[in-house]
N, C-alpha and C. Protein backbone atom coordinates (compact mmCIF):
# COMPACT_ATOMS: atom_id res chain seq x y z
N UNK A 1 -7.62 18.45 -23.78
CA UNK A 1 -7.64 18.93 -22.41
C UNK A 1 -8.61 18.07 -21.62
N UNK A 2 -8.18 17.63 -20.44
CA UNK A 2 -9.03 16.79 -19.60
C UNK A 2 -10.16 17.60 -19.00
N UNK A 3 -11.30 16.95 -18.84
CA UNK A 3 -12.41 17.58 -18.15
C UNK A 3 -12.12 17.53 -16.66
N UNK A 4 -12.24 18.63 -15.97
CA UNK A 4 -11.92 18.61 -14.54
C UNK A 4 -12.92 17.76 -13.77
N UNK A 5 -12.39 17.00 -12.84
CA UNK A 5 -13.23 16.19 -11.98
C UNK A 5 -13.53 17.04 -10.75
N UNK A 6 -14.74 17.55 -10.67
CA UNK A 6 -15.07 18.46 -9.57
C UNK A 6 -15.43 17.72 -8.29
N UNK A 7 -15.53 16.40 -8.34
CA UNK A 7 -15.83 15.64 -7.13
C UNK A 7 -14.53 15.22 -6.46
N UNK A 8 -14.65 14.61 -5.32
CA UNK A 8 -13.47 14.09 -4.61
C UNK A 8 -13.12 12.69 -5.08
N UNK A 9 -13.86 12.15 -6.05
CA UNK A 9 -13.63 10.80 -6.53
C UNK A 9 -12.49 10.77 -7.54
N UNK A 10 -11.89 9.58 -7.67
CA UNK A 10 -10.83 9.40 -8.67
C UNK A 10 -11.46 9.22 -10.05
N UNK A 11 -10.66 9.43 -11.08
CA UNK A 11 -11.10 9.14 -12.44
C UNK A 11 -11.21 7.63 -12.61
N UNK A 12 -12.20 7.18 -13.35
CA UNK A 12 -12.37 5.75 -13.60
C UNK A 12 -11.15 5.18 -14.30
N UNK A 13 -10.57 5.94 -15.22
CA UNK A 13 -9.38 5.48 -15.94
C UNK A 13 -8.21 5.22 -15.03
N UNK A 14 -8.04 6.05 -13.99
CA UNK A 14 -6.95 5.85 -13.03
C UNK A 14 -7.16 4.57 -12.22
N UNK A 15 -8.39 4.31 -11.84
CA UNK A 15 -8.69 3.10 -11.07
C UNK A 15 -8.44 1.86 -11.92
N UNK A 16 -8.90 1.89 -13.16
CA UNK A 16 -8.70 0.75 -14.07
C UNK A 16 -7.22 0.55 -14.35
N UNK A 17 -6.48 1.63 -14.54
CA UNK A 17 -5.05 1.51 -14.83
C UNK A 17 -4.31 0.84 -13.69
N UNK A 18 -4.71 1.13 -12.47
CA UNK A 18 -4.06 0.47 -11.32
C UNK A 18 -4.40 -1.01 -11.28
N UNK A 19 -5.66 -1.35 -11.60
CA UNK A 19 -6.10 -2.73 -11.50
C UNK A 19 -5.59 -3.60 -12.63
N UNK A 20 -5.48 -3.04 -13.80
CA UNK A 20 -5.09 -3.82 -14.98
C UNK A 20 -3.90 -3.15 -15.65
N UNK A 21 -2.79 -3.82 -15.62
CA UNK A 21 -1.61 -3.25 -16.27
C UNK A 21 -1.61 -3.56 -17.76
N UNK A 22 -0.86 -2.81 -18.50
CA UNK A 22 -0.75 -3.03 -19.95
C UNK A 22 -0.18 -4.41 -20.22
N UNK A 23 0.79 -4.82 -19.43
CA UNK A 23 1.44 -6.12 -19.64
C UNK A 23 0.43 -7.26 -19.45
N UNK A 24 -0.42 -7.17 -18.44
CA UNK A 24 -1.40 -8.25 -18.22
C UNK A 24 -2.43 -8.28 -19.35
N UNK A 25 -2.78 -7.11 -19.88
CA UNK A 25 -3.71 -7.08 -21.01
C UNK A 25 -3.09 -7.70 -22.25
N UNK A 26 -1.82 -7.42 -22.51
CA UNK A 26 -1.13 -8.01 -23.66
C UNK A 26 -1.04 -9.53 -23.51
N UNK A 27 -0.76 -9.98 -22.30
CA UNK A 27 -0.68 -11.42 -22.04
C UNK A 27 -2.04 -12.07 -22.29
N UNK A 28 -3.10 -11.46 -21.80
CA UNK A 28 -4.44 -12.01 -21.99
C UNK A 28 -4.82 -12.03 -23.47
N UNK A 29 -4.47 -10.98 -24.20
CA UNK A 29 -4.77 -10.94 -25.64
C UNK A 29 -4.03 -12.03 -26.38
N UNK A 30 -2.78 -12.29 -26.00
CA UNK A 30 -2.00 -13.35 -26.64
C UNK A 30 -2.61 -14.71 -26.36
N UNK A 31 -3.04 -14.95 -25.13
CA UNK A 31 -3.65 -16.23 -24.77
C UNK A 31 -4.94 -16.44 -25.56
N UNK A 32 -5.77 -15.42 -25.66
CA UNK A 32 -7.03 -15.53 -26.40
C UNK A 32 -6.76 -15.80 -27.88
N UNK A 33 -5.76 -15.13 -28.45
CA UNK A 33 -5.42 -15.33 -29.86
C UNK A 33 -4.97 -16.75 -30.12
N UNK A 34 -4.09 -17.27 -29.26
CA UNK A 34 -3.59 -18.64 -29.43
C UNK A 34 -4.73 -19.64 -29.26
N UNK A 35 -5.59 -19.42 -28.27
CA UNK A 35 -6.71 -20.34 -28.05
C UNK A 35 -7.67 -20.33 -29.23
N UNK A 36 -7.95 -19.16 -29.78
CA UNK A 36 -8.85 -19.07 -30.93
C UNK A 36 -8.25 -19.76 -32.15
N UNK A 37 -6.96 -19.57 -32.37
CA UNK A 37 -6.31 -20.21 -33.51
C UNK A 37 -6.29 -21.72 -33.35
N UNK A 38 -6.01 -22.20 -32.14
CA UNK A 38 -5.98 -23.64 -31.90
C UNK A 38 -7.38 -24.24 -32.06
N UNK A 39 -8.39 -23.55 -31.56
CA UNK A 39 -9.76 -24.04 -31.68
C UNK A 39 -10.22 -24.09 -33.12
N UNK A 40 -9.88 -23.09 -33.89
CA UNK A 40 -10.24 -23.06 -35.30
C UNK A 40 -9.55 -24.16 -36.06
N UNK A 41 -8.26 -24.37 -35.79
CA UNK A 41 -7.51 -25.42 -36.47
C UNK A 41 -8.07 -26.79 -36.12
N UNK A 42 -8.48 -26.98 -34.87
CA UNK A 42 -9.01 -28.27 -34.45
C UNK A 42 -10.36 -28.54 -35.11
N UNK A 43 -11.17 -27.50 -35.28
CA UNK A 43 -12.49 -27.69 -35.87
C UNK A 43 -12.44 -27.86 -37.38
N UNK A 44 -11.58 -27.12 -38.04
CA UNK A 44 -11.56 -27.18 -39.50
C UNK A 44 -10.54 -28.17 -40.01
N UNK A 45 -9.37 -28.19 -39.44
CA UNK A 45 -8.33 -29.14 -39.84
C UNK A 45 -8.08 -29.16 -41.33
N UNK A 46 -6.99 -29.80 -41.76
CA UNK A 46 -6.67 -29.82 -43.18
C UNK A 46 -7.60 -30.69 -44.01
N UNK A 47 -8.26 -31.69 -43.42
CA UNK A 47 -9.10 -32.62 -44.18
C UNK A 47 -10.58 -32.45 -43.87
N UNK A 48 -10.98 -31.28 -43.40
CA UNK A 48 -12.37 -31.08 -43.00
C UNK A 48 -13.37 -31.33 -44.13
N UNK A 49 -13.17 -30.84 -45.37
CA UNK A 49 -14.16 -31.11 -46.41
C UNK A 49 -14.30 -32.59 -46.72
N UNK A 50 -13.18 -33.33 -46.76
CA UNK A 50 -13.25 -34.76 -47.03
C UNK A 50 -13.93 -35.49 -45.88
N UNK A 51 -13.63 -35.08 -44.65
CA UNK A 51 -14.24 -35.74 -43.49
C UNK A 51 -15.74 -35.50 -43.47
N UNK A 52 -16.17 -34.29 -43.81
CA UNK A 52 -17.60 -33.99 -43.83
C UNK A 52 -18.30 -34.80 -44.91
N UNK A 53 -17.71 -34.89 -46.08
CA UNK A 53 -18.31 -35.67 -47.17
C UNK A 53 -18.38 -37.14 -46.79
N UNK A 54 -17.34 -37.65 -46.15
CA UNK A 54 -17.33 -39.06 -45.74
C UNK A 54 -18.38 -39.31 -44.67
N UNK A 55 -18.55 -38.37 -43.75
CA UNK A 55 -19.53 -38.54 -42.69
C UNK A 55 -20.95 -38.53 -43.24
N UNK A 56 -21.19 -37.76 -44.29
CA UNK A 56 -22.53 -37.67 -44.86
C UNK A 56 -22.82 -38.79 -45.85
N UNK A 57 -21.80 -39.44 -46.36
CA UNK A 57 -21.98 -40.49 -47.37
C UNK A 57 -22.82 -41.63 -46.80
N UNK A 58 -23.77 -42.10 -47.56
CA UNK A 58 -24.58 -43.24 -47.15
C UNK A 58 -25.70 -42.87 -46.19
N UNK A 59 -25.90 -41.60 -45.89
CA UNK A 59 -26.94 -41.20 -44.97
C UNK A 59 -28.02 -40.37 -45.66
N UNK A 60 -28.08 -40.42 -46.97
CA UNK A 60 -29.08 -39.67 -47.70
C UNK A 60 -28.77 -38.20 -47.85
N UNK A 61 -27.55 -37.82 -47.51
CA UNK A 61 -27.15 -36.41 -47.64
C UNK A 61 -26.17 -36.26 -48.78
N UNK A 62 -26.26 -35.14 -49.43
CA UNK A 62 -25.28 -34.83 -50.46
C UNK A 62 -24.19 -33.98 -49.84
N UNK A 63 -22.95 -34.10 -50.31
CA UNK A 63 -21.92 -33.22 -49.78
C UNK A 63 -22.24 -31.77 -50.16
N UNK A 64 -21.70 -30.81 -49.39
CA UNK A 64 -21.99 -29.41 -49.70
C UNK A 64 -21.62 -29.06 -51.13
N UNK A 65 -22.42 -28.21 -51.74
CA UNK A 65 -22.15 -27.81 -53.13
C UNK A 65 -21.56 -26.42 -53.18
N UNK A 66 -20.97 -26.11 -54.30
CA UNK A 66 -20.40 -24.79 -54.51
C UNK A 66 -21.52 -23.81 -54.79
N UNK A 67 -21.32 -22.52 -54.47
CA UNK A 67 -22.37 -21.54 -54.77
C UNK A 67 -22.62 -21.44 -56.27
N UNK A 68 -23.85 -21.14 -56.61
CA UNK A 68 -24.22 -21.03 -58.03
C UNK A 68 -23.51 -19.85 -58.66
N UNK A 69 -23.08 -20.00 -59.89
CA UNK A 69 -22.42 -18.88 -60.56
C UNK A 69 -23.42 -17.76 -60.85
N UNK A 70 -22.89 -16.60 -61.18
CA UNK A 70 -23.72 -15.46 -61.51
C UNK A 70 -24.60 -15.81 -62.70
N UNK A 71 -25.84 -15.36 -62.71
CA UNK A 71 -26.77 -15.70 -63.79
C UNK A 71 -27.29 -17.12 -63.61
N UNK A 72 -27.52 -17.52 -62.36
CA UNK A 72 -27.93 -18.88 -62.06
C UNK A 72 -29.26 -19.22 -62.71
N UNK A 73 -29.48 -20.50 -62.97
CA UNK A 73 -30.70 -20.95 -63.65
C UNK A 73 -31.95 -20.75 -62.82
N UNK A 74 -31.84 -20.63 -61.49
CA UNK A 74 -33.00 -20.50 -60.64
C UNK A 74 -33.64 -19.12 -60.68
N UNK A 75 -32.97 -18.14 -61.23
CA UNK A 75 -33.53 -16.79 -61.27
C UNK A 75 -34.54 -16.68 -62.40
N UNK A 76 -35.72 -16.15 -62.09
CA UNK A 76 -36.79 -16.09 -63.07
C UNK A 76 -37.12 -14.65 -63.47
N UNK A 77 -36.18 -13.75 -63.33
CA UNK A 77 -36.41 -12.36 -63.73
C UNK A 77 -35.15 -11.81 -64.36
N UNK A 78 -35.32 -10.77 -65.13
CA UNK A 78 -34.17 -10.10 -65.73
C UNK A 78 -33.56 -9.18 -64.69
N UNK A 79 -32.27 -9.27 -64.45
CA UNK A 79 -31.65 -8.42 -63.43
C UNK A 79 -31.80 -6.94 -63.77
N UNK A 80 -31.83 -6.13 -62.75
CA UNK A 80 -31.89 -4.68 -62.92
C UNK A 80 -30.51 -4.20 -63.31
N UNK A 81 -30.46 -3.33 -64.30
CA UNK A 81 -29.17 -2.79 -64.74
C UNK A 81 -28.58 -1.91 -63.65
N UNK A 82 -27.26 -1.92 -63.49
CA UNK A 82 -26.65 -1.02 -62.50
C UNK A 82 -27.06 0.42 -62.77
N UNK A 83 -27.32 1.17 -61.69
CA UNK A 83 -27.74 2.56 -61.85
C UNK A 83 -27.31 3.37 -60.64
N UNK A 84 -27.48 4.66 -60.74
CA UNK A 84 -27.16 5.57 -59.64
C UNK A 84 -28.41 6.32 -59.19
N UNK A 85 -29.58 5.75 -59.48
CA UNK A 85 -30.84 6.38 -59.10
C UNK A 85 -30.98 6.39 -57.58
N UNK A 86 -31.59 7.43 -57.05
CA UNK A 86 -31.81 7.52 -55.62
C UNK A 86 -33.20 6.97 -55.29
N UNK A 87 -33.40 5.70 -55.62
CA UNK A 87 -34.68 5.05 -55.37
C UNK A 87 -34.46 3.54 -55.42
N UNK A 88 -35.45 2.80 -54.92
CA UNK A 88 -35.40 1.35 -55.00
C UNK A 88 -35.78 0.96 -56.42
N UNK A 89 -34.94 0.17 -57.07
CA UNK A 89 -35.20 -0.26 -58.44
C UNK A 89 -35.45 -1.76 -58.42
N UNK A 90 -36.57 -2.17 -58.98
CA UNK A 90 -36.93 -3.59 -58.99
C UNK A 90 -37.16 -4.04 -60.42
N UNK A 91 -37.08 -5.35 -60.67
CA UNK A 91 -37.29 -5.85 -62.03
C UNK A 91 -38.72 -5.63 -62.50
N UNK A 92 -38.90 -5.57 -63.81
CA UNK A 92 -40.24 -5.43 -64.40
C UNK A 92 -41.11 -6.59 -63.95
N UNK A 93 -42.36 -6.29 -63.65
CA UNK A 93 -43.31 -7.33 -63.26
C UNK A 93 -43.32 -7.58 -61.75
N UNK A 94 -42.49 -6.90 -60.98
CA UNK A 94 -42.44 -7.07 -59.53
C UNK A 94 -42.86 -5.76 -58.87
N UNK A 95 -43.29 -5.85 -57.62
CA UNK A 95 -43.64 -4.65 -56.86
C UNK A 95 -42.95 -4.72 -55.50
N UNK A 96 -42.90 -3.59 -54.83
CA UNK A 96 -42.29 -3.56 -53.50
C UNK A 96 -43.13 -2.71 -52.58
N UNK A 97 -43.10 -3.01 -51.30
CA UNK A 97 -43.79 -2.24 -50.28
C UNK A 97 -42.84 -2.04 -49.10
N UNK A 98 -43.05 -0.98 -48.36
CA UNK A 98 -42.24 -0.71 -47.17
C UNK A 98 -42.71 -1.65 -46.06
N UNK A 99 -41.78 -2.36 -45.44
CA UNK A 99 -42.11 -3.24 -44.33
C UNK A 99 -42.13 -2.42 -43.04
N UNK A 100 -41.08 -1.66 -42.81
CA UNK A 100 -41.01 -0.77 -41.66
C UNK A 100 -40.15 0.43 -42.05
N UNK A 101 -40.61 1.61 -41.71
CA UNK A 101 -39.87 2.83 -42.04
C UNK A 101 -38.75 3.05 -41.04
N UNK A 102 -37.67 3.67 -41.49
CA UNK A 102 -36.55 3.97 -40.62
C UNK A 102 -37.03 4.92 -39.51
N UNK A 103 -36.77 4.55 -38.26
CA UNK A 103 -37.17 5.38 -37.13
C UNK A 103 -38.57 5.13 -36.63
N UNK A 104 -39.31 4.25 -37.29
CA UNK A 104 -40.67 3.95 -36.86
C UNK A 104 -40.62 3.10 -35.59
N UNK A 105 -41.41 3.43 -34.56
CA UNK A 105 -41.38 2.63 -33.33
C UNK A 105 -41.83 1.20 -33.59
N UNK A 106 -41.17 0.26 -32.97
CA UNK A 106 -41.51 -1.16 -33.17
C UNK A 106 -42.65 -1.57 -32.26
N UNK A 107 -42.65 -1.09 -31.04
CA UNK A 107 -43.69 -1.49 -30.09
C UNK A 107 -44.66 -0.37 -29.83
């Protein structure tokens, strides 16, 4: 049920509906979609990884690497076993402190 408008003013939705038709909104959405797809295709292209590696070659840069697999060599702690505890669980030998509490004013 609509809330009655007790003023002499029109509903905002009625004003917007007159100014912007559904057809014009669909047309605008289609244009934005096509432009976004074209821009993405132009930026990434089919040979983007090879082009990036070629551009970086000889400049002291390494080409991008793949993400480290699970259990990476850089980790220096034993992972915490999966659990359903209602608390923060950290690895043995580590500690944690609250940085900011939920709802605490910032300023």
